[in-house]
């Protein structure tokens, strides 16, 4: 298990406030005001990721979903064979570009560049690449909605190149560390793997995926109206992964019209989350809140739709094997 050095502990403390400021549409949860469960996740994120990563901390209004997001990220990207980390980062950056997620593209391209300063590099196995892809098909959607602009976008243009080089060195250093597989699993209860995750086989990654999916599904039973869940699920069944295109908003709105009036806004938001998360607007969030109030419900509902789309990608990526 990774131990934090003094300099890394200082970095984690210094970046807490910045990471929380990037979250939009929900109230950030500072460590000082967090529940013990949220603090436990934050502590692991800072220890293993090096800082309180906003793509994870944005989930904090729902502690179970926060834990699920971290378990997915840690056990697929960070843990395991250190020599495969650069290859995993390449997958993360590629998937993020596919999903029009500039935040994640910037972070994982910088990490990949930084890792090239280190001599150890290997190719991740097919299962590892698929697991990382599924994780980022999930995270990209949540980041597009709740974070937005890339981390360096607020840096003045004159110093941005130097800031980018510094970020590459820092992220490369943090990415080159070793992490013991399975250390996050106890944050979630044991769960049976669903049939659509059979491609993951057995082992820590399969266990992480099963636990995370079960946690998100459990929270969705309250946050996602049944007609909305049925509509999104039906739309995903035959989806080939093709981009939604410029008509995505109109297509999602038209599909949601078949829903009861009491959950049409929820349907529009979750369809956009699954198929075109980069097109979600503040108006979509406000409309959802008129139907289902509270930060936890918003995180839990969008997390369910994002993970449903990511799981569909898992099936698409492994269909030919």
Protein backbone atom coordinates (compact mmCIF):
# COMPACT_ATOMS: atom_id res chain seq x y z
CA UNK A 1 0.00 0.00 0.00
CA UNK A 2 1.30 3.44 -0.92
CA UNK A 3 2.50 5.72 1.88
CA UNK A 4 2.32 9.47 1.41
CA UNK A 5 5.60 11.35 1.77
CA UNK A 6 5.71 14.69 3.54
CA UNK A 7 5.78 16.66 0.28
CA UNK A 8 2.86 14.67 -1.08
CA UNK A 9 0.81 15.27 2.07
CA UNK A 10 1.47 18.98 1.68
CA UNK A 11 0.42 18.86 -1.98
CA UNK A 12 -2.80 17.06 -1.05
CA UNK A 13 -3.66 19.72 1.54
CA UNK A 14 -2.84 22.60 -0.78
CA UNK A 15 -4.99 21.29 -3.62
CA UNK A 16 -8.10 20.46 -1.60
CA UNK A 17 -9.65 23.90 -1.95
CA UNK A 18 -8.85 24.20 -5.64
CA UNK A 19 -10.36 20.82 -6.42
CA UNK A 20 -13.57 21.68 -4.62
CA UNK A 21 -13.93 25.00 -6.45
CA UNK A 22 -14.16 23.24 -9.81
CA UNK A 23 -17.38 21.38 -8.97
CA UNK A 24 -20.59 22.86 -10.39
CA UNK A 25 -24.34 22.19 -10.02
CA UNK A 26 -23.88 20.49 -6.64
CA UNK A 27 -22.37 21.77 -3.41
CA UNK A 28 -18.82 20.54 -2.90
CA UNK A 29 -18.31 18.60 0.32
CA UNK A 30 -15.17 19.76 2.18
CA UNK A 31 -13.36 17.17 4.25
CA UNK A 32 -13.97 19.16 7.44
CA UNK A 33 -17.74 18.90 6.97
CA UNK A 34 -17.84 15.40 5.50
CA UNK A 35 -19.26 12.25 7.06
CA UNK A 36 -16.77 9.59 8.21
CA UNK A 37 -17.55 7.54 5.09
CA UNK A 38 -16.78 10.44 2.75
CA UNK A 39 -13.62 11.29 4.71
CA UNK A 40 -12.46 7.68 4.37
CA UNK A 41 -12.79 7.87 0.58
CA UNK A 42 -11.08 11.27 0.47
CA UNK A 43 -8.17 9.89 2.49
CA UNK A 44 -7.67 7.03 0.04
CA UNK A 45 -7.91 9.34 -2.97
CA UNK A 46 -5.27 11.69 -1.54
CA UNK A 47 -3.02 8.82 -0.55
CA UNK A 48 -3.14 6.93 -3.86
CA UNK A 49 -3.94 9.61 -6.43
CA UNK A 50 -1.81 12.25 -4.72
CA UNK A 51 -4.57 14.84 -4.45
CA UNK A 52 -8.33 15.05 -4.01
CA UNK A 53 -9.19 14.50 -7.68
CA UNK A 54 -12.30 16.52 -8.65
CA UNK A 55 -13.65 13.75 -10.95
CA UNK A 56 -13.99 11.66 -7.79
CA UNK A 57 -14.88 14.31 -5.21
CA UNK A 58 -17.78 15.67 -7.30
CA UNK A 59 -19.68 12.51 -6.28
CA UNK A 60 -19.51 13.34 -2.55
CA UNK A 61 -23.19 14.34 -2.11
CA UNK A 62 -23.87 10.59 -2.40
CA UNK A 63 -21.32 8.68 -0.28
CA UNK A 64 -22.10 5.31 -1.86
CA UNK A 65 -21.66 6.65 -5.39
CA UNK A 66 -18.50 8.47 -4.31
CA UNK A 67 -17.06 5.17 -3.09
CA UNK A 68 -18.13 3.44 -6.32
CA UNK A 69 -16.42 6.07 -8.50
CA UNK A 70 -13.20 5.76 -6.52
CA UNK A 71 -13.21 1.96 -6.50
CA UNK A 72 -13.63 1.97 -10.29
CA UNK A 73 -10.82 4.47 -10.86
CA UNK A 74 -8.37 3.00 -8.39
CA UNK A 75 -8.72 -0.67 -9.22
CA UNK A 76 -8.76 -0.26 -13.02
CA UNK A 77 -6.28 2.58 -13.59
CA UNK A 78 -4.00 2.96 -10.56
CA UNK A 79 -3.58 -0.52 -9.11
CA UNK A 80 -1.68 -3.47 -10.46
CA UNK A 81 1.31 -3.73 -12.78
CA UNK A 82 3.13 -0.38 -12.69
CA UNK A 83 4.65 -1.02 -16.11
CA UNK A 84 1.16 -0.97 -17.67
CA UNK A 85 0.19 2.46 -16.30
CA UNK A 86 1.30 4.42 -19.37
CA UNK A 87 -0.76 2.16 -21.62
CA UNK A 88 -3.77 2.61 -19.36
CA UNK A 89 -3.34 6.39 -19.45
CA UNK A 90 -3.29 6.23 -23.25
CA UNK A 91 -6.64 4.41 -23.15
CA UNK A 92 -8.02 6.99 -20.70
CA UNK A 93 -6.96 9.89 -22.92
CA UNK A 94 -8.31 8.23 -26.07
CA UNK A 95 -11.71 7.43 -24.55
CA UNK A 96 -11.90 10.95 -23.11
CA UNK A 97 -11.33 12.44 -26.57
CA UNK A 98 -14.06 10.19 -27.98
CA UNK A 99 -16.47 11.49 -25.33
CA UNK A 100 -15.56 15.16 -25.93
CA UNK A 101 -14.27 15.50 -22.36
CA UNK A 102 -11.49 18.13 -22.53
CA UNK A 103 -10.94 18.03 -18.76
CA UNK A 104 -9.99 14.34 -18.77
CA UNK A 105 -8.07 14.64 -22.04
CA UNK A 106 -5.85 17.32 -20.52
CA UNK A 107 -5.24 15.46 -17.25
CA UNK A 108 -4.51 12.04 -18.75
CA UNK A 109 -2.49 13.32 -21.69
CA UNK A 110 -0.34 15.23 -19.19
CA UNK A 111 0.03 12.11 -17.05
CA UNK A 112 0.99 10.03 -20.08
CA UNK A 113 3.58 12.62 -21.12
CA UNK A 114 4.97 12.72 -17.61
CA UNK A 115 5.17 8.94 -17.39
CA UNK A 116 7.39 8.85 -20.46
CA UNK A 117 10.11 10.40 -18.30
CA UNK A 118 10.16 7.14 -16.35
CA UNK A 119 11.87 4.06 -17.81
CA UNK A 120 9.22 1.43 -17.02
CA UNK A 121 6.54 0.97 -19.67
CA UNK A 122 4.52 -2.04 -20.79
CA UNK A 123 1.31 -2.82 -22.63
CA UNK A 124 -1.76 -3.50 -20.49
CA UNK A 125 -3.66 -6.73 -21.11
CA UNK A 126 -6.90 -6.68 -23.07
CA UNK A 127 -9.00 -7.01 -19.92
CA UNK A 128 -7.17 -4.11 -18.29
CA UNK A 129 -7.68 -1.89 -21.33
CA UNK A 130 -11.39 -2.70 -21.42
CA UNK A 131 -11.81 -2.04 -17.70
CA UNK A 132 -10.07 1.33 -18.00
CA UNK A 133 -12.23 2.19 -21.02
CA UNK A 134 -15.42 1.36 -19.10
CA UNK A 135 -14.27 3.47 -16.15
CA UNK A 136 -13.61 6.47 -18.36
CA UNK A 137 -16.80 6.12 -20.36
CA UNK A 138 -18.39 6.55 -16.93
CA UNK A 139 -16.17 9.30 -15.53
CA UNK A 140 -16.13 11.37 -18.74
CA UNK A 141 -19.89 11.70 -18.61
CA UNK A 142 -19.89 12.83 -14.99
CA UNK A 143 -16.99 15.22 -15.55
CA UNK A 144 -18.63 16.78 -18.60
CA UNK A 145 -21.67 17.60 -16.50
CA UNK A 146 -20.18 18.55 -13.14
CA UNK A 147 -16.71 19.95 -13.89
CA UNK A 148 -16.56 21.43 -17.37
CA UNK A 149 -13.44 23.43 -18.28
CA UNK A 150 -9.99 21.74 -18.17
CA UNK A 151 -7.83 22.43 -15.08
CA UNK A 152 -5.34 24.69 -16.87
CA UNK A 153 -7.95 26.81 -18.63
CA UNK A 154 -7.89 29.39 -15.82
CA UNK A 155 -4.09 29.78 -15.96
CA UNK A 156 -2.98 32.98 -17.76
CA UNK A 157 -1.92 32.23 -21.33
CA UNK A 158 1.60 33.57 -20.79
CA UNK A 159 2.45 31.05 -18.11
CA UNK A 160 0.29 28.16 -19.32
CA UNK A 161 3.13 26.30 -21.11
CA UNK A 162 5.24 26.33 -17.95
CA UNK A 163 2.23 25.26 -15.87
CA UNK A 164 1.57 22.42 -18.32
CA UNK A 165 5.16 21.20 -18.03
CA UNK A 166 4.92 21.31 -14.25
CA UNK A 167 1.67 19.35 -14.33
CA UNK A 168 3.24 16.73 -16.58
CA UNK A 169 6.18 16.25 -14.19
CA UNK A 170 3.91 16.08 -11.14
CA UNK A 171 1.34 13.73 -12.66
CA UNK A 172 4.06 11.55 -14.16
CA UNK A 173 5.73 11.25 -10.75
CA UNK A 174 2.46 10.36 -9.05
CA UNK A 175 1.47 7.96 -11.83
CA UNK A 176 4.74 6.03 -11.58
CA UNK A 177 4.01 4.87 -8.03
CA UNK A 178 2.89 1.32 -7.25
CA UNK A 179 -0.50 0.55 -5.68
CA UNK A 180 -1.60 -2.75 -4.21
CA UNK A 181 -4.72 -4.12 -5.95
CA UNK A 182 -7.89 -4.42 -3.90
CA UNK A 183 -7.14 -1.85 -1.18
CA UNK A 184 -10.35 0.09 -1.90
CA UNK A 185 -12.77 -2.84 -2.07
CA UNK A 186 -13.82 -2.68 1.57
CA UNK A 187 -15.42 0.71 0.90
CA UNK A 188 -18.29 -1.18 -0.78
CA UNK A 189 -20.18 -4.34 0.03
CA UNK A 190 -19.61 -7.64 -1.74
CA UNK A 191 -21.80 -8.06 -4.83
CA UNK A 192 -22.51 -10.70 -7.43
CA UNK A 193 -21.20 -9.71 -10.88
CA UNK A 194 -24.03 -8.96 -13.33
CA UNK A 195 -24.18 -10.94 -16.57
CA UNK A 196 -23.06 -8.03 -18.73
CA UNK A 197 -19.74 -7.91 -16.86
CA UNK A 198 -18.85 -11.53 -17.59
CA UNK A 199 -16.03 -10.26 -19.82
CA UNK A 200 -14.19 -9.14 -16.65
CA UNK A 201 -13.72 -12.74 -15.51
CA UNK A 202 -12.65 -13.10 -11.88
CA UNK A 203 -10.22 -11.26 -9.65
CA UNK A 204 -9.90 -7.79 -8.17
CA UNK A 205 -11.04 -5.83 -11.23
CA UNK A 206 -14.14 -7.99 -11.67
CA UNK A 207 -14.89 -7.61 -7.95
CA UNK A 208 -14.46 -3.83 -8.14
CA UNK A 209 -16.78 -3.54 -11.14
CA UNK A 210 -19.44 -5.71 -9.49
CA UNK A 211 -19.35 -3.77 -6.21
CA UNK A 212 -19.43 -0.38 -7.93
CA UNK A 213 -22.30 -1.32 -10.22
CA UNK A 214 -24.32 -2.72 -7.31
CA UNK A 215 -23.81 0.45 -5.27
CA UNK A 216 -24.90 2.73 -8.12
CA UNK A 217 -27.89 0.53 -8.95
CA UNK A 218 -29.01 0.53 -5.30
CA UNK A 219 -29.00 4.33 -5.11
CA UNK A 220 -30.75 4.60 -8.49
CA UNK A 221 -33.79 2.74 -7.19
CA UNK A 222 -34.77 5.92 -5.36
CA UNK A 223 -33.23 8.53 -7.66
CA UNK A 224 -34.38 7.29 -11.09
CA UNK A 225 -38.11 6.96 -11.85
CA UNK A 226 -38.92 3.51 -13.22
CA UNK A 227 -40.24 4.79 -16.60
CA UNK A 228 -37.00 6.74 -17.11
CA UNK A 229 -34.85 3.72 -16.26
CA UNK A 230 -36.83 1.60 -18.71
CA UNK A 231 -36.49 4.19 -21.49
CA UNK A 232 -32.74 4.69 -21.09
CA UNK A 233 -32.14 0.95 -20.83
CA UNK A 234 -34.18 0.28 -23.97
CA UNK A 235 -32.27 2.95 -25.90
CA UNK A 236 -28.95 1.42 -24.88
CA UNK A 237 -29.79 -2.14 -25.90
CA UNK A 238 -29.16 -1.65 -29.61
CA UNK A 239 -26.76 1.29 -29.36
CA UNK A 240 -23.61 0.69 -31.38
CA UNK A 241 -21.59 3.46 -29.72
CA UNK A 242 -22.16 5.85 -32.62
CA UNK A 243 -21.86 9.56 -31.66
CA UNK A 244 -25.17 11.23 -30.94
CA UNK A 245 -24.37 14.14 -33.26
CA UNK A 246 -25.66 17.69 -33.37
CA UNK A 247 -29.30 16.58 -33.10
CA UNK A 248 -28.76 14.85 -29.75
CA UNK A 249 -30.76 17.37 -27.74
CA UNK A 250 -33.73 17.20 -30.07
CA UNK A 251 -33.57 13.39 -30.22
CA UNK A 252 -33.43 13.05 -26.43
CA UNK A 253 -36.24 15.56 -25.93
CA UNK A 254 -38.44 13.73 -28.44
CA UNK A 255 -37.78 10.39 -26.75
CA UNK A 256 -38.61 11.84 -23.33
CA UNK A 257 -42.00 13.04 -24.56
CA UNK A 258 -43.30 9.48 -24.27
CA UNK A 259 -42.69 9.58 -20.51
CA UNK A 260 -45.24 10.71 -17.90
CA UNK A 261 -45.15 14.49 -17.50
CA UNK A 262 -43.84 14.10 -13.95
CA UNK A 263 -40.51 12.66 -15.11
CA UNK A 264 -39.87 14.06 -18.59
CA UNK A 265 -37.11 16.42 -17.44
CA UNK A 266 -35.42 13.52 -15.67
CA UNK A 267 -35.68 11.49 -18.85
CA UNK A 268 -34.14 14.24 -20.98
CA UNK A 269 -31.23 14.70 -18.59
CA UNK A 270 -30.45 11.01 -18.27
CA UNK A 271 -30.69 10.38 -22.00
CA UNK A 272 -28.27 13.25 -22.57
CA UNK A 273 -26.01 11.87 -19.84
CA UNK A 274 -25.87 8.50 -21.55
CA UNK A 275 -25.55 9.65 -25.16
CA UNK A 276 -24.27 13.26 -25.23
CA UNK A 277 -23.13 14.39 -21.79
CA UNK A 278 -21.17 17.31 -23.28
CA UNK A 279 -24.52 18.84 -24.32
CA UNK A 280 -26.03 18.97 -20.81
CA UNK A 281 -26.81 22.56 -19.78
CA UNK A 282 -27.69 24.41 -16.60
CA UNK A 283 -31.30 24.49 -17.83
CA UNK A 284 -31.36 20.68 -17.97
CA UNK A 285 -30.13 20.51 -14.38
CA UNK A 286 -32.69 23.08 -13.21
CA UNK A 287 -35.53 21.18 -14.91
CA UNK A 288 -34.43 17.93 -13.26
CA UNK A 289 -34.39 19.64 -9.85
CA UNK A 290 -38.00 20.73 -10.30
CA UNK A 291 -38.89 17.04 -10.44
CA UNK A 292 -36.35 15.56 -8.03
CA UNK A 293 -34.73 17.85 -5.48
CA UNK A 294 -31.39 17.46 -3.76
CA UNK A 295 -27.74 17.08 -4.74
CA UNK A 296 -27.70 13.38 -3.85
CA UNK A 297 -30.57 12.59 -6.24
CA UNK A 298 -28.85 14.50 -9.05
CA UNK A 299 -25.55 12.65 -8.59
CA UNK A 300 -27.21 9.27 -8.16
CA UNK A 301 -29.43 9.63 -11.23
CA UNK A 302 -26.73 10.86 -13.59
CA UNK A 303 -24.27 8.28 -12.23
CA UNK A 304 -26.73 5.51 -13.07
CA UNK A 305 -27.16 6.72 -16.67
CA UNK A 306 -23.42 7.28 -17.13
CA UNK A 307 -22.58 3.82 -15.81
CA UNK A 308 -25.31 2.19 -17.91
CA UNK A 309 -23.72 3.69 -21.03
CA UNK A 310 -20.24 2.65 -19.85
CA UNK A 311 -21.41 -0.92 -19.28
CA UNK A 312 -22.82 -0.97 -22.81
CA UNK A 313 -19.34 0.03 -24.03
CA UNK A 314 -17.91 -2.91 -22.12
CA UNK A 315 -20.15 -5.26 -24.09
CA UNK A 316 -19.30 -3.55 -27.38
CA UNK A 317 -15.56 -3.73 -26.76
CA UNK A 318 -15.61 -7.42 -25.90
CA UNK A 319 -18.24 -8.65 -28.38
CA UNK A 320 -15.66 -9.95 -30.87
CA UNK A 321 -13.65 -11.93 -28.33
